[in-house]
Amino acid sequence: MYQLIIEIVSLFLAGILAGEEFVVRYGVHVSLSILDAQSQIKARQALIRRLRVLVPSIILPTIAFGVATLFFDGTGLALGFQWAGVFSLIILMLITLIGTVPINKGILDWKFDAPPNNWKLLIRRWERLDVFRSSAAILAFAFFLVAMVLHLTGN
């Protein structure tokens, strides 16, 4: 019974994370690109301030519950998908810590009326990294979903 509860919580959290990452990647940040430089930088700084609290509060429990699913008596294909989900979350976390967080910290120091000369290049780099981050979150959710279906159907 505990295994099922942990799997459900893991799946729920992965779904929240995937949804958040999908909306930020393909909704919010795409929309920012149409703004002028000053408005775009102000909006990005506001998003970073808000999301640097919100996103870790989703990612960390998702990873914890994802890892917890591995410690139960799962076997076969379901366990393989659980491992794939956890691996996707680890990739997400690594890209975040090594790639997007350092850029975000730099963006917070930008003056919106005098951004650095390479600001557009840094934004493009962040966006490329974010495609991988959001894809990893979406894949983790899909893997956990398949693992749950396999678990429930006895496969």
C-alpha atoms as a PDB file:
ATOM      1  CA  MET A   1       0.000   0.000   0.000  1.00  0.00           C
ATOM      2  CA  TYR A   2       2.829   2.449   0.857  1.00  0.00           C
ATOM      3  CA  GLN A   3       4.426   1.725  -2.498  1.00  0.00           C
ATOM      4  CA  LEU A   4       1.269   2.763  -4.320  1.00  0.00           C
ATOM      5  CA  ILE A   5       0.928   5.963  -2.274  1.00  0.00           C
ATOM      6  CA  ILE A   6       4.551   6.917  -2.964  1.00  0.00           C
ATOM      7  CA  GLU A   7       4.116   6.191  -6.664  1.00  0.00           C
ATOM      8  CA  ILE A   8       0.950   8.315  -6.815  1.00  0.00           C
ATOM      9  CA  VAL A   9       2.618  11.225  -5.020  1.00  0.00           C
ATOM     10  CA  SER A  10       5.659  10.884  -7.286  1.00  0.00           C
ATOM     11  CA  LEU A  11       3.465  10.879 -10.381  1.00  0.00           C
ATOM     12  CA  PHE A  12       1.466  13.871  -9.122  1.00  0.00           C
ATOM     13  CA  LEU A  13       4.601  15.912  -8.373  1.00  0.00           C
ATOM     14  CA  ALA A  14       6.165  14.973 -11.709  1.00  0.00           C
ATOM     15  CA  GLY A  15       2.976  16.132 -13.423  1.00  0.00           C
ATOM     16  CA  ILE A  16       3.054  19.476 -11.606  1.00  0.00           C
ATOM     17  CA  LEU A  17       6.731  19.892 -12.496  1.00  0.00           C
ATOM     18  CA  ALA A  18       6.194  18.957 -16.150  1.00  0.00           C
ATOM     19  CA  GLY A  19       3.260  21.352 -16.407  1.00  0.00           C
ATOM     20  CA  GLU A  20       5.214  24.201 -14.833  1.00  0.00           C
ATOM     21  CA  GLU A  21       8.213  23.595 -17.084  1.00  0.00           C
ATOM     22  CA  PHE A  22       6.030  23.293 -20.201  1.00  0.00           C
ATOM     23  CA  VAL A  23       4.207  26.563 -19.524  1.00  0.00           C
ATOM     24  CA  VAL A  24       7.357  28.487 -18.620  1.00  0.00           C
ATOM     25  CA  ARG A  25       9.266  27.161 -21.655  1.00  0.00           C
ATOM     26  CA  TYR A  26       6.618  27.326 -24.370  1.00  0.00           C
ATOM     27  CA  GLY A  27       4.332  30.000 -22.981  1.00  0.00           C
ATOM     28  CA  VAL A  28       6.078  32.542 -20.808  1.00  0.00           C
ATOM     29  CA  HIS A  29       9.569  32.705 -22.284  1.00  0.00           C
ATOM     30  CA  VAL A  30       8.403  32.611 -25.892  1.00  0.00           C
ATOM     31  CA  SER A  31       6.140  35.547 -25.084  1.00  0.00           C
ATOM     32  CA  LEU A  32       9.000  37.508 -23.503  1.00  0.00           C
ATOM     33  CA  SER A  33      10.885  37.570 -26.790  1.00  0.00           C
ATOM     34  CA  ILE A  34       8.411  40.030 -28.324  1.00  0.00           C
ATOM     35  CA  LEU A  35       9.083  42.650 -25.635  1.00  0.00           C
ATOM     36  CA  ASP A  36      11.583  45.464 -25.999  1.00  0.00           C
ATOM     37  CA  ALA A  37      14.903  44.978 -24.195  1.00  0.00           C
ATOM     38  CA  GLN A  38      14.030  46.955 -21.069  1.00  0.00           C
ATOM     39  CA  SER A  39      10.644  45.293 -20.570  1.00  0.00           C
ATOM     40  CA  GLN A  40      12.070  41.868 -21.330  1.00  0.00           C
ATOM     41  CA  ILE A  41      14.861  42.237 -18.773  1.00  0.00           C
ATOM     42  CA  LYS A  42      12.465  43.543 -16.103  1.00  0.00           C
ATOM     43  CA  ALA A  43      10.088  40.640 -16.744  1.00  0.00           C
ATOM     44  CA  ARG A  44      12.886  38.063 -16.711  1.00  0.00           C
ATOM     45  CA  GLN A  45      14.234  39.438 -13.428  1.00  0.00           C
ATOM     46  CA  ALA A  46      10.760  39.300 -11.865  1.00  0.00           C
ATOM     47  CA  LEU A  47      10.265  35.718 -13.078  1.00  0.00           C
ATOM     48  CA  ILE A  48      13.662  34.636 -11.754  1.00  0.00           C
ATOM     49  CA  ARG A  49      12.890  36.092  -8.329  1.00  0.00           C
ATOM     50  CA  ARG A  50       9.575  34.232  -8.162  1.00  0.00           C
ATOM     51  CA  LEU A  51      10.578  30.962  -9.818  1.00  0.00           C
ATOM     52  CA  ARG A  52      13.841  30.513  -7.909  1.00  0.00           C
ATOM     53  CA  VAL A  53      11.650  29.748  -4.890  1.00  0.00           C
ATOM     54  CA  LEU A  54       8.749  27.990  -6.608  1.00  0.00           C
ATOM     55  CA  VAL A  55      10.677  25.626  -8.894  1.00  0.00           C
ATOM     56  CA  PRO A  56      12.976  24.118  -6.217  1.00  0.00           C
ATOM     57  CA  SER A  57       9.920  23.615  -4.012  1.00  0.00           C
ATOM     58  CA  ILE A  58       8.577  21.362  -6.769  1.00  0.00           C
ATOM     59  CA  ILE A  59      11.792  19.770  -8.074  1.00  0.00           C
ATOM     60  CA  LEU A  60      13.235  18.617  -4.751  1.00  0.00           C
ATOM     61  CA  PRO A  61      10.156  16.696  -3.515  1.00  0.00           C
ATOM     62  CA  THR A  62       9.686  15.258  -7.008  1.00  0.00           C
ATOM     63  CA  ILE A  63      13.219  13.870  -6.951  1.00  0.00           C
ATOM     64  CA  ALA A  64      12.796  12.595  -3.372  1.00  0.00           C
ATOM     65  CA  PHE A  65       9.574  10.750  -4.147  1.00  0.00           C
ATOM     66  CA  GLY A  66      10.951   9.515  -7.469  1.00  0.00           C
ATOM     67  CA  VAL A  67      13.957   8.015  -5.702  1.00  0.00           C
ATOM     68  CA  ALA A  68      11.667   6.567  -3.012  1.00  0.00           C
ATOM     69  CA  THR A  69       9.783   4.606  -5.683  1.00  0.00           C
ATOM     70  CA  LEU A  70      13.021   2.761  -6.461  1.00  0.00           C
ATOM     71  CA  PHE A  71      13.258   1.287  -2.957  1.00  0.00           C
ATOM     72  CA  PHE A  72      10.113  -0.783  -3.184  1.00  0.00           C
ATOM     73  CA  ASP A  73       9.690  -4.188  -4.712  1.00  0.00           C
ATOM     74  CA  GLY A  74       9.173  -2.948  -8.241  1.00  0.00           C
ATOM     75  CA  THR A  75      10.518  -5.245 -10.903  1.00  0.00           C
ATOM     76  CA  GLY A  76      10.721  -5.576 -14.618  1.00  0.00           C
ATOM     77  CA  LEU A  77       9.540  -2.953 -17.008  1.00  0.00           C
ATOM     78  CA  ALA A  78       7.842  -0.752 -14.381  1.00  0.00           C
ATOM     79  CA  LEU A  79      11.087  -0.464 -12.417  1.00  0.00           C
ATOM     80  CA  GLY A  80      12.932   0.380 -15.628  1.00  0.00           C
ATOM     81  CA  PHE A  81      10.550   3.260 -16.300  1.00  0.00           C
ATOM     82  CA  GLN A  82      10.885   4.461 -12.703  1.00  0.00           C
ATOM     83  CA  TRP A  83      14.670   4.514 -13.136  1.00  0.00           C
ATOM     84  CA  ALA A  84      14.271   6.396 -16.421  1.00  0.00           C
ATOM     85  CA  GLY A  85      12.077   8.964 -14.645  1.00  0.00           C
ATOM     86  CA  VAL A  86      14.615   9.474 -11.873  1.00  0.00           C
ATOM     87  CA  PHE A  87      17.434   9.726 -14.418  1.00  0.00           C
ATOM     88  CA  SER A  88      15.452  12.414 -16.282  1.00  0.00           C
ATOM     89  CA  LEU A  89      15.027  14.354 -13.041  1.00  0.00           C
ATOM     90  CA  ILE A  90      18.764  14.125 -12.346  1.00  0.00           C
ATOM     91  CA  ILE A  91      19.466  15.487 -15.849  1.00  0.00           C
ATOM     92  CA  LEU A  92      17.001  18.307 -15.176  1.00  0.00           C
ATOM     93  CA  MET A  93      18.722  19.137 -11.895  1.00  0.00           C
ATOM     94  CA  LEU A  94      22.221  19.076 -13.414  1.00  0.00           C
ATOM     95  CA  ILE A  95      21.239  21.354 -16.305  1.00  0.00           C
ATOM     96  CA  THR A  96      19.591  23.677 -13.814  1.00  0.00           C
ATOM     97  CA  LEU A  97      22.516  23.858 -11.393  1.00  0.00           C
ATOM     98  CA  ILE A  98      25.291  23.988 -13.985  1.00  0.00           C
ATOM     99  CA  GLY A  99      23.536  25.852 -16.783  1.00  0.00           C
ATOM    100  CA  THR A 100      20.523  28.019 -16.066  1.00  0.00           C
ATOM    101  CA  VAL A 101      21.139  29.041 -12.433  1.00  0.00           C
ATOM    102  CA  PRO A 102      24.447  30.808 -13.182  1.00  0.00           C
ATOM    103  CA  ILE A 103      22.813  32.679 -16.057  1.00  0.00           C
ATOM    104  CA  ASN A 104      19.844  33.601 -13.864  1.00  0.00           C
ATOM    105  CA  LYS A 105      22.159  34.963 -11.171  1.00  0.00           C
ATOM    106  CA  GLY A 106      23.836  37.150 -13.783  1.00  0.00           C
ATOM    107  CA  ILE A 107      20.516  38.389 -15.163  1.00  0.00           C
ATOM    108  CA  LEU A 108      19.505  39.601 -11.708  1.00  0.00           C
ATOM    109  CA  ASP A 109      22.492  41.977 -11.761  1.00  0.00           C
ATOM    110  CA  TRP A 110      21.658  43.459 -15.172  1.00  0.00           C
ATOM    111  CA  LYS A 111      20.534  47.062 -15.348  1.00  0.00           C
ATOM    112  CA  PHE A 112      17.449  47.061 -17.541  1.00  0.00           C
ATOM    113  CA  ASP A 113      18.441  50.387 -19.095  1.00  0.00           C
ATOM    114  CA  ALA A 114      22.035  49.252 -19.752  1.00  0.00           C
ATOM    115  CA  PRO A 115      22.196  45.476 -20.262  1.00  0.00           C
ATOM    116  CA  PRO A 116      25.514  43.816 -21.074  1.00  0.00           C
ATOM    117  CA  ASN A 117      26.461  43.774 -24.748  1.00  0.00           C
ATOM    118  CA  ASN A 118      26.042  40.001 -24.943  1.00  0.00           C
ATOM    119  CA  TRP A 119      22.639  39.863 -23.202  1.00  0.00           C
ATOM    120  CA  LYS A 120      20.839  38.406 -26.228  1.00  0.00           C
ATOM    121  CA  LEU A 121      23.488  35.700 -26.578  1.00  0.00           C
ATOM    122  CA  LEU A 122      23.089  34.767 -22.893  1.00  0.00           C
ATOM    123  CA  ILE A 123      19.307  34.626 -23.259  1.00  0.00           C
ATOM    124  CA  ARG A 124      19.637  32.330 -26.296  1.00  0.00           C
ATOM    125  CA  ARG A 125      21.990  30.067 -24.331  1.00  0.00           C
ATOM    126  CA  TRP A 126      19.528  29.975 -21.430  1.00  0.00           C
ATOM    127  CA  GLU A 127      16.687  29.142 -23.829  1.00  0.00           C
ATOM    128  CA  ARG A 128      18.612  26.251 -25.411  1.00  0.00           C
ATOM    129  CA  LEU A 129      19.358  24.842 -21.961  1.00  0.00           C
ATOM    130  CA  ASP A 130      15.740  25.323 -20.939  1.00  0.00           C
ATOM    131  CA  VAL A 131      14.531  23.211 -23.864  1.00  0.00           C
ATOM    132  CA  PHE A 132      16.516  20.317 -22.389  1.00  0.00           C
ATOM    133  CA  ARG A 133      15.330  21.103 -18.843  1.00  0.00           C
ATOM    134  CA  SER A 134      11.672  21.217 -19.782  1.00  0.00           C
ATOM    135  CA  SER A 135      12.019  18.117 -21.966  1.00  0.00           C
ATOM    136  CA  ALA A 136      13.609  16.226 -19.068  1.00  0.00           C
ATOM    137  CA  ALA A 137      10.705  17.193 -16.785  1.00  0.00           C
ATOM    138  CA  ILE A 138       8.132  16.129 -19.364  1.00  0.00           C
ATOM    139  CA  LEU A 139       9.956  12.845 -19.972  1.00  0.00           C
ATOM    140  CA  ALA A 140      10.142  12.156 -16.229  1.00  0.00           C
ATOM    141  CA  PHE A 141       6.382  12.580 -15.981  1.00  0.00           C
ATOM    142  CA  ALA A 142       5.820  10.298 -18.977  1.00  0.00           C
ATOM    143  CA  PHE A 143       8.161   7.642 -17.553  1.00  0.00           C
ATOM    144  CA  PHE A 144       6.475   7.720 -14.134  1.00  0.00           C
ATOM    145  CA  LEU A 145       3.072   7.539 -15.823  1.00  0.00           C
ATOM    146  CA  VAL A 146       4.054   4.467 -17.831  1.00  0.00           C
ATOM    147  CA  ALA A 147       5.562   2.870 -14.698  1.00  0.00           C
ATOM    148  CA  MET A 148       2.288   3.437 -12.830  1.00  0.00           C
ATOM    149  CA  VAL A 149       0.225   1.909 -15.631  1.00  0.00           C
ATOM    150  CA  LEU A 150       2.550  -1.098 -15.788  1.00  0.00           C
ATOM    151  CA  HIS A 151       2.392  -1.446 -12.011  1.00  0.00           C
ATOM    152  CA  LEU A 152      -1.406  -1.257 -11.934  1.00  0.00           C
ATOM    153  CA  THR A 153      -1.830  -3.724 -14.797  1.00  0.00           C
ATOM    154  CA  GLY A 154       0.639  -6.162 -13.273  1.00  0.00           C
ATOM    155  CA  ASN A 155       3.148  -5.945 -16.118  1.00  0.00           C
END
